[in-house]
Amino acid sequence: MTGKLRLPSLNALRVFHAVAQHKSFRQAADELLVTPQAVGQQIKLLEDTLQVTLFERKGRSIELTESAILLSHYVKAGFDEFSEGVRRVTKSTYRDRINLNASPYFATHYLLPRLSLFREILPGADLRLTTMVDLPDFGRDDIDMTVQWGYGSWPDYDTTLLVPDPKIICCTPAIGEKIKSAHDLTKFTLLDTVKSKRLWPDILRHLGVELTDGDRSISFDDAATMRRATLQGIGVGLVSVIDAEEDFRSGALVAPIGRDAIADMRPEEVPGFYLVVPRGHLRVKAVAALHRWLAQQDWRSDLKISLPKPTPLSD
């Protein structure tokens, strides 16, 4: 029967955390308000306790060993958890605050029309909404959870698919007249967003079209800008279903090879909006309630129908 693992001293881990961040004993000492010698002693104590070498001294610089790099991820996560816990229990104004970040597209088309329903279910929560395209730094940006566009590839976090975001190949009627088959798509500039570098290759592969290095493409920071470029006739774009249907009705865009041309792509090739949250954040009651509510909503339903009345959250 093995004994309980004996952890190193918290002070030694705190010193290690500072050295790993700065890659310098002197800078770590300045941060901790101690001498470089004291830092060195704590690192030596930690190395002796763990029986591993954490830093290699090369002249006046140091380099993290493989063991130090691995340990630094867990130590950082631990101190982040400590900081979050202290912040939550010592600042009463933050206890029921929920900081939610969402992709601008998801916030506009899905979240905002339904947000009042959550306010009715948990009226005491102080909900703060930000819209950043990139995955936030949860600690630095003070974010509890985020809704991100992508393929669910965030292994370090709790990830839940809220709604797929299938695309329709769109272009102006003038360009559409020149596209007779899927192979004609590569004669034009292919428009996408910087976060979807795999989308066009997956789509063309699905259509049996070879993508060559000479094919032209332009990537935009967000879907809204890419859609405007498509409307201006700059190229062929990949437009989300909700927006595409609106542009079809107005006659501004057409689907040159059919609206359902890529509707049968494999699920893993279809991007979507994912709810991403550090696992430790779900220990906070208000955060867990919002997470549960977001995961339970039927985001696939038509946004134009009357929204359902709020129902109690199930466990």
C-alpha atoms as a PDB file:
ATOM      1  CA  MET A   1       0.000   0.000   0.000  1.00  0.00           C
ATOM      2  CA  THR A   2       1.560   3.272  -1.093  1.00  0.00           C
ATOM      3  CA  GLY A   3       1.706   6.247   1.238  1.00  0.00           C
ATOM      4  CA  LYS A   4       0.171   9.599   0.581  1.00  0.00           C
ATOM      5  CA  LEU A   5       2.212  11.799  -1.760  1.00  0.00           C
ATOM      6  CA  ARG A   6       4.169  14.374   0.182  1.00  0.00           C
ATOM      7  CA  LEU A   7       4.074  17.716  -1.578  1.00  0.00           C
ATOM      8  CA  PRO A   8       6.942  20.226  -1.575  1.00  0.00           C
ATOM      9  CA  SER A   9       6.583  23.393   0.481  1.00  0.00           C
ATOM     10  CA  LEU A  10       4.247  26.021  -0.925  1.00  0.00           C
ATOM     11  CA  ASN A  11       6.992  28.622  -0.630  1.00  0.00           C
ATOM     12  CA  ALA A  12       9.357  26.546  -2.794  1.00  0.00           C
ATOM     13  CA  LEU A  13       6.646  26.159  -5.419  1.00  0.00           C
ATOM     14  CA  ARG A  14       5.954  29.889  -5.317  1.00  0.00           C
ATOM     15  CA  VAL A  15       9.644  30.615  -5.944  1.00  0.00           C
ATOM     16  CA  PHE A  16       9.727  28.028  -8.740  1.00  0.00           C
ATOM     17  CA  HIS A  17       6.669  29.663 -10.327  1.00  0.00           C
ATOM     18  CA  ALA A  18       8.409  33.046 -10.355  1.00  0.00           C
ATOM     19  CA  VAL A  19      11.668  31.658 -11.777  1.00  0.00           C
ATOM     20  CA  ALA A  20       9.810  29.697 -14.470  1.00  0.00           C
ATOM     21  CA  GLN A  21       7.943  32.829 -15.538  1.00  0.00           C
ATOM     22  CA  HIS A  22      10.991  35.116 -15.644  1.00  0.00           C
ATOM     23  CA  LYS A  23      13.625  32.484 -16.542  1.00  0.00           C
ATOM     24  CA  SER A  24      15.863  34.424 -14.204  1.00  0.00           C
ATOM     25  CA  PHE A  25      16.782  34.009 -10.534  1.00  0.00           C
ATOM     26  CA  ARG A  26      17.447  37.735 -10.177  1.00  0.00           C
ATOM     27  CA  GLN A  27      14.128  38.861 -11.700  1.00  0.00           C
ATOM     28  CA  ALA A  28      12.274  36.290  -9.600  1.00  0.00           C
ATOM     29  CA  ALA A  29      14.045  37.629  -6.520  1.00  0.00           C
ATOM     30  CA  ASP A  30      13.022  41.190  -7.399  1.00  0.00           C
ATOM     31  CA  GLU A  31       9.393  40.101  -7.730  1.00  0.00           C
ATOM     32  CA  LEU A  32       9.441  38.203  -4.438  1.00  0.00           C
ATOM     33  CA  LEU A  33      11.453  40.892  -2.595  1.00  0.00           C
ATOM     34  CA  VAL A  34      14.180  38.447  -1.552  1.00  0.00           C
ATOM     35  CA  THR A  35      17.813  37.911  -2.545  1.00  0.00           C
ATOM     36  CA  PRO A  36      18.881  35.790  -5.522  1.00  0.00           C
ATOM     37  CA  GLN A  37      20.659  33.545  -3.016  1.00  0.00           C
ATOM     38  CA  ALA A  38      17.374  32.891  -1.212  1.00  0.00           C
ATOM     39  CA  VAL A  39      15.757  32.007  -4.542  1.00  0.00           C
ATOM     40  CA  GLY A  40      18.600  29.620  -5.322  1.00  0.00           C
ATOM     41  CA  GLN A  41      18.215  27.914  -1.947  1.00  0.00           C
ATOM     42  CA  GLN A  42      14.488  27.327  -2.493  1.00  0.00           C
ATOM     43  CA  ILE A  43      15.089  25.905  -5.973  1.00  0.00           C
ATOM     44  CA  LYS A  44      17.817  23.606  -4.597  1.00  0.00           C
ATOM     45  CA  LEU A  45      15.418  22.472  -1.860  1.00  0.00           C
ATOM     46  CA  LEU A  46      12.719  21.769  -4.451  1.00  0.00           C
ATOM     47  CA  GLU A  47      15.100  19.839  -6.709  1.00  0.00           C
ATOM     48  CA  ASP A  48      16.291  17.752  -3.740  1.00  0.00           C
ATOM     49  CA  THR A  49      12.692  17.038  -2.695  1.00  0.00           C
ATOM     50  CA  LEU A  50      11.600  16.014  -6.188  1.00  0.00           C
ATOM     51  CA  GLN A  51      14.891  14.331  -7.087  1.00  0.00           C
ATOM     52  CA  VAL A  52      14.930  16.019 -10.493  1.00  0.00           C
ATOM     53  CA  THR A  53      16.902  18.824 -12.093  1.00  0.00           C
ATOM     54  CA  LEU A  54      14.659  21.792 -12.900  1.00  0.00           C
ATOM     55  CA  PHE A  55      17.037  24.367 -14.335  1.00  0.00           C
ATOM     56  CA  GLU A  56      20.259  24.186 -16.292  1.00  0.00           C
ATOM     57  CA  ARG A  57      22.671  27.046 -15.640  1.00  0.00           C
ATOM     58  CA  LYS A  58      24.358  28.361 -18.779  1.00  0.00           C
ATOM     59  CA  GLY A  59      26.573  31.260 -17.864  1.00  0.00           C
ATOM     60  CA  ARG A  60      24.367  34.001 -16.497  1.00  0.00           C
ATOM     61  CA  SER A  61      21.194  32.524 -18.014  1.00  0.00           C
ATOM     62  CA  ILE A  62      19.114  29.505 -17.102  1.00  0.00           C
ATOM     63  CA  GLU A  63      16.971  27.132 -19.123  1.00  0.00           C
ATOM     64  CA  LEU A  64      14.029  25.050 -17.964  1.00  0.00           C
ATOM     65  CA  THR A  65      14.479  21.306 -18.207  1.00  0.00           C
ATOM     66  CA  GLU A  66      11.719  19.092 -19.581  1.00  0.00           C
ATOM     67  CA  SER A  67      10.665  18.324 -16.004  1.00  0.00           C
ATOM     68  CA  ALA A  68      10.455  22.035 -15.164  1.00  0.00           C
ATOM     69  CA  ILE A  69       8.359  22.792 -18.234  1.00  0.00           C
ATOM     70  CA  LEU A  70       5.909  20.038 -17.298  1.00  0.00           C
ATOM     71  CA  LEU A  71       5.766  21.069 -13.643  1.00  0.00           C
ATOM     72  CA  SER A  72       5.332  24.757 -14.487  1.00  0.00           C
ATOM     73  CA  HIS A  73       1.980  24.101 -16.225  1.00  0.00           C
ATOM     74  CA  TYR A  74       0.526  22.464 -13.120  1.00  0.00           C
ATOM     75  CA  VAL A  75       1.994  24.980 -10.690  1.00  0.00           C
ATOM     76  CA  LYS A  76       0.628  27.892 -12.736  1.00  0.00           C
ATOM     77  CA  ALA A  77      -2.814  26.262 -12.828  1.00  0.00           C
ATOM     78  CA  GLY A  78      -2.651  25.763  -9.068  1.00  0.00           C
ATOM     79  CA  PHE A  79      -1.744  29.365  -8.283  1.00  0.00           C
ATOM     80  CA  ASP A  80      -4.406  30.577 -10.722  1.00  0.00           C
ATOM     81  CA  GLU A  81      -6.935  28.518  -8.750  1.00  0.00           C
ATOM     82  CA  PHE A  82      -5.667  29.993  -5.471  1.00  0.00           C
ATOM     83  CA  SER A  83      -5.982  33.529  -6.848  1.00  0.00           C
ATOM     84  CA  GLU A  84      -9.488  32.924  -8.160  1.00  0.00           C
ATOM     85  CA  GLY A  85     -10.634  31.433  -4.879  1.00  0.00           C
ATOM     86  CA  VAL A  86      -9.216  34.284  -2.808  1.00  0.00           C
ATOM     87  CA  ARG A  87     -10.730  36.857  -5.156  1.00  0.00           C
ATOM     88  CA  ARG A  88     -14.139  35.241  -4.979  1.00  0.00           C
ATOM     89  CA  VAL A  89     -14.334  34.974  -1.191  1.00  0.00           C
ATOM     90  CA  THR A  90     -12.748  38.305  -0.269  1.00  0.00           C
ATOM     91  CA  LYS A  91     -14.554  40.589  -2.708  1.00  0.00           C
ATOM     92  CA  SER A  92     -18.271  40.253  -2.114  1.00  0.00           C
ATOM     93  CA  THR A  93     -19.078  42.292  -5.237  1.00  0.00           C
ATOM     94  CA  TYR A  94     -17.533  39.497  -7.313  1.00  0.00           C
ATOM     95  CA  ARG A  95     -19.231  36.525  -5.731  1.00  0.00           C
ATOM     96  CA  ASP A  96     -22.256  36.578  -8.043  1.00  0.00           C
ATOM     97  CA  ARG A  97     -20.531  38.226 -10.987  1.00  0.00           C
ATOM     98  CA  ILE A  98     -20.294  36.133 -14.149  1.00  0.00           C
ATOM     99  CA  ASN A  99     -17.900  37.314 -16.840  1.00  0.00           C
ATOM    100  CA  LEU A 100     -18.972  35.734 -20.122  1.00  0.00           C
ATOM    101  CA  ASN A 101     -17.097  36.206 -23.381  1.00  0.00           C
ATOM    102  CA  ALA A 102     -18.680  35.220 -26.685  1.00  0.00           C
ATOM    103  CA  SER A 103     -17.796  35.240 -30.338  1.00  0.00           C
ATOM    104  CA  PRO A 104     -19.308  38.448 -31.799  1.00  0.00           C
ATOM    105  CA  TYR A 105     -21.379  36.416 -34.274  1.00  0.00           C
ATOM    106  CA  PHE A 106     -22.786  34.114 -31.592  1.00  0.00           C
ATOM    107  CA  ALA A 107     -23.502  37.050 -29.281  1.00  0.00           C
ATOM    108  CA  THR A 108     -25.413  38.958 -31.973  1.00  0.00           C
ATOM    109  CA  HIS A 109     -27.332  36.155 -33.668  1.00  0.00           C
ATOM    110  CA  TYR A 110     -27.924  33.702 -30.834  1.00  0.00           C
ATOM    111  CA  LEU A 111     -27.198  35.009 -27.359  1.00  0.00           C
ATOM    112  CA  LEU A 112     -28.631  38.516 -27.126  1.00  0.00           C
ATOM    113  CA  PRO A 113     -32.193  37.566 -28.204  1.00  0.00           C
ATOM    114  CA  ARG A 114     -32.330  34.983 -25.398  1.00  0.00           C
ATOM    115  CA  LEU A 115     -30.286  36.593 -22.647  1.00  0.00           C
ATOM    116  CA  SER A 116     -33.334  38.002 -20.869  1.00  0.00           C
ATOM    117  CA  LEU A 117     -34.486  34.421 -20.241  1.00  0.00           C
ATOM    118  CA  PHE A 118     -31.415  33.765 -18.117  1.00  0.00           C
ATOM    119  CA  ARG A 119     -31.932  37.038 -16.254  1.00  0.00           C
ATOM    120  CA  GLU A 120     -35.377  35.785 -15.209  1.00  0.00           C
ATOM    121  CA  ILE A 121     -33.963  32.461 -13.973  1.00  0.00           C
ATOM    122  CA  LEU A 122     -31.057  33.940 -11.997  1.00  0.00           C
ATOM    123  CA  PRO A 123     -32.014  37.589 -11.391  1.00  0.00           C
ATOM    124  CA  GLY A 124     -29.377  38.205  -8.704  1.00  0.00           C
ATOM    125  CA  ALA A 125     -26.392  37.443 -10.944  1.00  0.00           C
ATOM    126  CA  ASP A 126     -24.243  40.312 -12.188  1.00  0.00           C
ATOM    127  CA  LEU A 127     -23.666  39.195 -15.787  1.00  0.00           C
ATOM    128  CA  ARG A 128     -20.911  40.905 -17.787  1.00  0.00           C
ATOM    129  CA  LEU A 129     -20.638  40.184 -21.527  1.00  0.00           C
ATOM    130  CA  THR A 130     -17.572  40.801 -23.694  1.00  0.00           C
ATOM    131  CA  THR A 131     -17.018  39.889 -27.330  1.00  0.00           C
ATOM    132  CA  MET A 132     -13.528  38.785 -28.300  1.00  0.00           C
ATOM    133  CA  VAL A 133     -12.822  36.615 -31.334  1.00  0.00           C
ATOM    134  CA  ASP A 134      -9.772  34.848 -29.893  1.00  0.00           C
ATOM    135  CA  LEU A 135      -9.760  32.524 -26.907  1.00  0.00           C
ATOM    136  CA  PRO A 136      -9.270  34.786 -23.880  1.00  0.00           C
ATOM    137  CA  ASP A 137      -6.681  34.362 -21.179  1.00  0.00           C
ATOM    138  CA  PHE A 138      -9.164  33.435 -18.456  1.00  0.00           C
ATOM    139  CA  GLY A 139      -6.988  34.682 -15.608  1.00  0.00           C
ATOM    140  CA  ARG A 140      -5.593  37.848 -17.161  1.00  0.00           C
ATOM    141  CA  ASP A 141      -8.858  38.879 -18.834  1.00  0.00           C
ATOM    142  CA  ASP A 142     -10.978  37.899 -15.811  1.00  0.00           C
ATOM    143  CA  ILE A 143     -13.278  35.680 -17.893  1.00  0.00           C
ATOM    144  CA  ASP A 144     -15.333  32.849 -16.362  1.00  0.00           C
ATOM    145  CA  MET A 145     -16.295  31.137 -19.612  1.00  0.00           C
ATOM    146  CA  THR A 146     -16.373  31.823 -23.339  1.00  0.00           C
ATOM    147  CA  VAL A 147     -18.255  30.764 -26.466  1.00  0.00           C
ATOM    148  CA  GLN A 148     -15.724  30.147 -29.231  1.00  0.00           C
ATOM    149  CA  TRP A 149     -16.048  29.359 -32.919  1.00  0.00           C
ATOM    150  CA  GLY A 150     -14.023  26.375 -34.054  1.00  0.00           C
ATOM    151  CA  TYR A 151     -13.796  22.612 -33.995  1.00  0.00           C
ATOM    152  CA  GLY A 152     -13.713  21.921 -30.265  1.00  0.00           C
ATOM    153  CA  SER A 153      -9.934  21.639 -30.046  1.00  0.00           C
ATOM    154  CA  TRP A 154      -9.367  23.022 -26.531  1.00  0.00           C
ATOM    155  CA  PRO A 155      -8.218  19.926 -24.607  1.00  0.00           C
ATOM    156  CA  ASP A 156      -7.212  21.847 -21.477  1.00  0.00           C
ATOM    157  CA  TYR A 157     -10.778  23.028 -20.840  1.00  0.00           C
ATOM    158  CA  ASP A 158     -14.303  21.708 -20.420  1.00  0.00           C
ATOM    159  CA  THR A 159     -15.798  22.019 -23.931  1.00  0.00           C
ATOM    160  CA  THR A 160     -19.444  21.675 -25.022  1.00  0.00           C
ATOM    161  CA  LEU A 161     -20.805  22.079 -28.546  1.00  0.00           C
ATOM    162  CA  LEU A 162     -23.746  24.516 -28.421  1.00  0.00           C
ATOM    163  CA  VAL A 163     -24.634  24.707 -32.101  1.00  0.00           C
ATOM    164  CA  PRO A 164     -22.966  23.774 -35.405  1.00  0.00           C
ATOM    165  CA  ASP A 165     -22.198  26.599 -37.841  1.00  0.00           C
ATOM    166  CA  PRO A 166     -22.606  25.051 -41.303  1.00  0.00           C
ATOM    167  CA  LYS A 167     -21.685  27.251 -44.232  1.00  0.00           C
ATOM    168  CA  ILE A 168     -23.133  27.895 -47.668  1.00  0.00           C
ATOM    169  CA  ILE A 169     -20.872  28.721 -50.612  1.00  0.00           C
ATOM    170  CA  CYS A 170     -22.002  32.182 -51.741  1.00  0.00           C
ATOM    171  CA  CYS A 171     -21.138  34.847 -54.284  1.00  0.00           C
ATOM    172  CA  THR A 172     -22.736  37.728 -56.144  1.00  0.00           C
ATOM    173  CA  PRO A 173     -25.045  36.898 -59.072  1.00  0.00           C
ATOM    174  CA  ALA A 174     -22.414  38.238 -61.489  1.00  0.00           C
ATOM    175  CA  ILE A 175     -19.805  35.773 -60.249  1.00  0.00           C
ATOM    176  CA  GLY A 176     -22.400  33.024 -59.968  1.00  0.00           C
ATOM    177  CA  GLU A 177     -23.084  33.180 -63.717  1.00  0.00           C
ATOM    178  CA  LYS A 178     -19.463  32.153 -64.335  1.00  0.00           C
ATOM    179  CA  ILE A 179     -19.526  29.131 -62.011  1.00  0.00           C
ATOM    180  CA  LYS A 180     -20.926  26.066 -63.728  1.00  0.00           C
ATOM    181  CA  SER A 181     -19.454  23.397 -61.432  1.00  0.00           C
ATOM    182  CA  ALA A 182     -17.545  23.034 -58.191  1.00  0.00           C
ATOM    183  CA  HIS A 183     -14.267  22.993 -60.144  1.00  0.00           C
ATOM    184  CA  ASP A 184     -14.922  26.592 -61.238  1.00  0.00           C
ATOM    185  CA  LEU A 185     -14.736  27.818 -57.626  1.00  0.00           C
ATOM    186  CA  THR A 186     -10.939  27.920 -57.661  1.00  0.00           C
ATOM    187  CA  LYS A 187     -10.986  30.369 -60.586  1.00  0.00           C
ATOM    188  CA  PHE A 188     -12.028  33.029 -58.081  1.00  0.00           C
ATOM    189  CA  THR A 189     -10.619  34.392 -54.848  1.00  0.00           C
ATOM    190  CA  LEU A 190     -11.748  32.211 -51.954  1.00  0.00           C
ATOM    191  CA  LEU A 191     -12.772  34.193 -48.882  1.00  0.00           C
ATOM    192  CA  ASP A 192     -12.658  32.923 -45.313  1.00  0.00           C
ATOM    193  CA  THR A 193     -11.682  34.002 -41.797  1.00  0.00           C
ATOM    194  CA  VAL A 194      -8.235  33.676 -40.265  1.00  0.00           C
ATOM    195  CA  LYS A 195      -9.581  31.115 -37.770  1.00  0.00           C
ATOM    196  CA  SER A 196     -10.898  28.752 -40.472  1.00  0.00           C
ATOM    197  CA  LYS A 197      -7.798  27.788 -42.451  1.00  0.00           C
ATOM    198  CA  ARG A 198      -9.037  24.207 -42.751  1.00  0.00           C
ATOM    199  CA  LEU A 199     -12.563  25.080 -43.881  1.00  0.00           C
ATOM    200  CA  TRP A 200     -11.986  25.652 -47.597  1.00  0.00           C
ATOM    201  CA  PRO A 201      -9.602  22.665 -47.937  1.00  0.00           C
ATOM    202  CA  ASP A 202     -12.163  20.413 -46.226  1.00  0.00           C
ATOM    203  CA  ILE A 203     -14.968  21.719 -48.437  1.00  0.00           C
ATOM    204  CA  LEU A 204     -13.055  21.400 -51.716  1.00  0.00           C
ATOM    205  CA  ARG A 205     -11.906  17.909 -50.749  1.00  0.00           C
ATOM    206  CA  HIS A 206     -15.547  17.026 -50.032  1.00  0.00           C
ATOM    207  CA  LEU A 207     -16.505  18.326 -53.473  1.00  0.00           C
ATOM    208  CA  GLY A 208     -13.691  16.428 -55.183  1.00  0.00           C
ATOM    209  CA  VAL A 209     -11.837  19.599 -56.152  1.00  0.00           C
ATOM    210  CA  GLU A 210      -8.059  19.770 -55.852  1.00  0.00           C
ATOM    211  CA  LEU A 211      -6.741  22.844 -54.050  1.00  0.00           C
ATOM    212  CA  THR A 212      -3.385  23.951 -55.432  1.00  0.00           C
ATOM    213  CA  ASP A 213      -0.769  26.329 -54.047  1.00  0.00           C
ATOM    214  CA  GLY A 214      -1.608  28.809 -56.783  1.00  0.00           C
ATOM    215  CA  ASP A 215      -5.219  29.257 -55.685  1.00  0.00           C
ATOM    216  CA  ARG A 216      -6.026  32.732 -54.390  1.00  0.00           C
ATOM    217  CA  SER A 217      -7.535  33.393 -50.999  1.00  0.00           C
ATOM    218  CA  ILE A 218      -8.123  36.260 -48.595  1.00  0.00           C
ATOM    219  CA  SER A 219      -8.665  35.780 -44.868  1.00  0.00           C
ATOM    220  CA  PHE A 220     -10.524  38.240 -42.647  1.00  0.00           C
ATOM    221  CA  ASP A 221     -10.539  38.756 -38.887  1.00  0.00           C
ATOM    222  CA  ASP A 222     -14.241  38.009 -38.504  1.00  0.00           C
ATOM    223  CA  ALA A 223     -17.205  36.529 -40.341  1.00  0.00           C
ATOM    224  CA  ALA A 224     -18.994  39.871 -40.709  1.00  0.00           C
ATOM    225  CA  THR A 225     -16.121  41.419 -42.672  1.00  0.00           C
ATOM    226  CA  MET A 226     -15.805  38.305 -44.831  1.00  0.00           C
ATOM    227  CA  ARG A 227     -19.524  38.484 -45.610  1.00  0.00           C
ATOM    228  CA  ARG A 228     -19.217  42.148 -46.646  1.00  0.00           C
ATOM    229  CA  ALA A 229     -16.338  41.231 -48.951  1.00  0.00           C
ATOM    230  CA  THR A 230     -18.538  38.550 -50.527  1.00  0.00           C
ATOM    231  CA  LEU A 231     -21.359  41.067 -51.016  1.00  0.00           C
ATOM    232  CA  GLN A 232     -18.920  43.445 -52.701  1.00  0.00           C
ATOM    233  CA  GLY A 233     -17.931  40.799 -55.233  1.00  0.00           C
ATOM    234  CA  ILE A 234     -14.347  40.374 -54.069  1.00  0.00           C
ATOM    235  CA  GLY A 235     -14.625  36.605 -54.270  1.00  0.00           C
ATOM    236  CA  VAL A 236     -16.511  33.480 -53.221  1.00  0.00           C
ATOM    237  CA  GLY A 237     -17.315  33.354 -49.522  1.00  0.00           C
ATOM    238  CA  LEU A 238     -18.464  30.874 -46.902  1.00  0.00           C
ATOM    239  CA  VAL A 239     -21.487  32.436 -45.247  1.00  0.00           C
ATOM    240  CA  SER A 240     -23.367  31.097 -42.228  1.00  0.00           C
ATOM    241  CA  VAL A 241     -26.864  29.782 -42.959  1.00  0.00           C
ATOM    242  CA  ILE A 242     -28.717  32.578 -41.115  1.00  0.00           C
ATOM    243  CA  ASP A 243     -26.935  35.335 -43.046  1.00  0.00           C
ATOM    244  CA  ALA A 244     -26.973  33.461 -46.350  1.00  0.00           C
ATOM    245  CA  GLU A 245     -30.738  33.008 -46.299  1.00  0.00           C
ATOM    246  CA  GLU A 246     -31.165  36.747 -45.694  1.00  0.00           C
ATOM    247  CA  ASP A 247     -28.884  37.585 -48.618  1.00  0.00           C
ATOM    248  CA  PHE A 248     -30.654  35.085 -50.877  1.00  0.00           C
ATOM    249  CA  ARG A 249     -34.011  36.705 -50.134  1.00  0.00           C
ATOM    250  CA  SER A 250     -32.667  40.156 -51.028  1.00  0.00           C
ATOM    251  CA  GLY A 251     -31.006  38.844 -54.177  1.00  0.00           C
ATOM    252  CA  ALA A 252     -27.603  40.139 -53.078  1.00  0.00           C
ATOM    253  CA  LEU A 253     -26.021  36.673 -53.102  1.00  0.00           C
ATOM    254  CA  VAL A 254     -26.583  33.322 -54.776  1.00  0.00           C
ATOM    255  CA  ALA A 255     -25.432  29.779 -54.062  1.00  0.00           C
ATOM    256  CA  PRO A 256     -23.631  28.961 -57.327  1.00  0.00           C
ATOM    257  CA  ILE A 257     -23.469  25.181 -56.822  1.00  0.00           C
ATOM    258  CA  GLY A 258     -26.615  24.849 -54.691  1.00  0.00           C
ATOM    259  CA  ARG A 259     -27.607  25.607 -51.112  1.00  0.00           C
ATOM    260  CA  ASP A 260     -27.170  21.995 -50.024  1.00  0.00           C
ATOM    261  CA  ALA A 261     -23.900  21.340 -51.850  1.00  0.00           C
ATOM    262  CA  ILE A 262     -21.938  20.826 -48.620  1.00  0.00           C
ATOM    263  CA  ALA A 263     -24.824  20.014 -46.272  1.00  0.00           C
ATOM    264  CA  ASP A 264     -23.695  16.371 -46.027  1.00  0.00           C
ATOM    265  CA  MET A 265     -20.180  17.048 -44.785  1.00  0.00           C
ATOM    266  CA  ARG A 266     -19.004  14.909 -41.889  1.00  0.00           C
ATOM    267  CA  PRO A 267     -19.867  16.383 -38.464  1.00  0.00           C
ATOM    268  CA  GLU A 268     -16.194  16.655 -37.503  1.00  0.00           C
ATOM    269  CA  GLU A 269     -15.609  18.833 -40.584  1.00  0.00           C
ATOM    270  CA  VAL A 270     -18.341  21.304 -39.651  1.00  0.00           C
ATOM    271  CA  PRO A 271     -17.268  24.111 -37.296  1.00  0.00           C
ATOM    272  CA  GLY A 272     -19.510  25.303 -34.531  1.00  0.00           C
ATOM    273  CA  PHE A 273     -19.833  27.446 -31.449  1.00  0.00           C
ATOM    274  CA  TYR A 274     -18.406  25.777 -28.357  1.00  0.00           C
ATOM    275  CA  LEU A 275     -18.818  26.654 -24.701  1.00  0.00           C
ATOM    276  CA  VAL A 276     -15.308  26.645 -23.215  1.00  0.00           C
ATOM    277  CA  VAL A 277     -14.612  26.967 -19.483  1.00  0.00           C
ATOM    278  CA  PRO A 278     -11.769  26.108 -17.083  1.00  0.00           C
ATOM    279  CA  ARG A 279     -12.995  23.169 -15.031  1.00  0.00           C
ATOM    280  CA  GLY A 280     -12.307  24.872 -11.726  1.00  0.00           C
ATOM    281  CA  HIS A 281     -14.651  27.759 -12.583  1.00  0.00           C
ATOM    282  CA  LEU A 282     -17.637  25.423 -12.521  1.00  0.00           C
ATOM    283  CA  ARG A 283     -17.289  25.174  -8.742  1.00  0.00           C
ATOM    284  CA  VAL A 284     -18.792  28.661  -8.480  1.00  0.00           C
ATOM    285  CA  LYS A 285     -22.580  28.349  -8.206  1.00  0.00           C
ATOM    286  CA  ALA A 286     -23.505  31.283 -10.463  1.00  0.00           C
ATOM    287  CA  VAL A 287     -20.992  30.257 -13.143  1.00  0.00           C
ATOM    288  CA  ALA A 288     -22.229  26.671 -13.060  1.00  0.00           C
ATOM    289  CA  ALA A 289     -25.835  27.906 -13.423  1.00  0.00           C
ATOM    290  CA  LEU A 290     -25.020  29.928 -16.539  1.00  0.00           C
ATOM    291  CA  HIS A 291     -23.013  27.036 -17.982  1.00  0.00           C
ATOM    292  CA  ARG A 292     -25.957  24.681 -17.432  1.00  0.00           C
ATOM    293  CA  TRP A 293     -28.400  27.163 -18.991  1.00  0.00           C
ATOM    294  CA  LEU A 294     -26.249  27.730 -22.082  1.00  0.00           C
ATOM    295  CA  ALA A 295     -25.803  23.989 -22.596  1.00  0.00           C
ATOM    296  CA  GLN A 296     -29.555  23.315 -22.277  1.00  0.00           C
ATOM    297  CA  GLN A 297     -30.760  25.882 -24.810  1.00  0.00           C
ATOM    298  CA  ASP A 298     -31.987  24.779 -28.227  1.00  0.00           C
ATOM    299  CA  TRP A 299     -29.731  27.080 -30.226  1.00  0.00           C
ATOM    300  CA  ARG A 300     -30.631  25.331 -33.486  1.00  0.00           C
ATOM    301  CA  SER A 301     -34.199  26.588 -33.445  1.00  0.00           C
ATOM    302  CA  ASP A 302     -35.279  29.367 -35.792  1.00  0.00           C
ATOM    303  CA  LEU A 303     -34.478  32.710 -34.173  1.00  0.00           C
ATOM    304  CA  LYS A 304     -37.564  34.295 -35.696  1.00  0.00           C
ATOM    305  CA  ILE A 305     -40.065  32.152 -33.783  1.00  0.00           C
ATOM    306  CA  SER A 306     -41.403  33.215 -30.414  1.00  0.00           C
ATOM    307  CA  LEU A 307     -38.897  32.415 -27.738  1.00  0.00           C
ATOM    308  CA  PRO A 308     -39.916  29.907 -25.056  1.00  0.00           C
ATOM    309  CA  LYS A 309     -40.701  31.036 -21.559  1.00  0.00           C
ATOM    310  CA  PRO A 310     -37.895  30.431 -19.055  1.00  0.00           C
ATOM    311  CA  THR A 311     -37.937  27.079 -17.351  1.00  0.00           C
ATOM    312  CA  PRO A 312     -36.152  26.116 -14.123  1.00  0.00           C
ATOM    313  CA  LEU A 313     -32.645  24.798 -14.558  1.00  0.00           C
ATOM    314  CA  SER A 314     -32.313  21.056 -14.169  1.00  0.00           C
ATOM    315  CA  ASP A 315     -29.350  19.560 -12.322  1.00  0.00           C
END
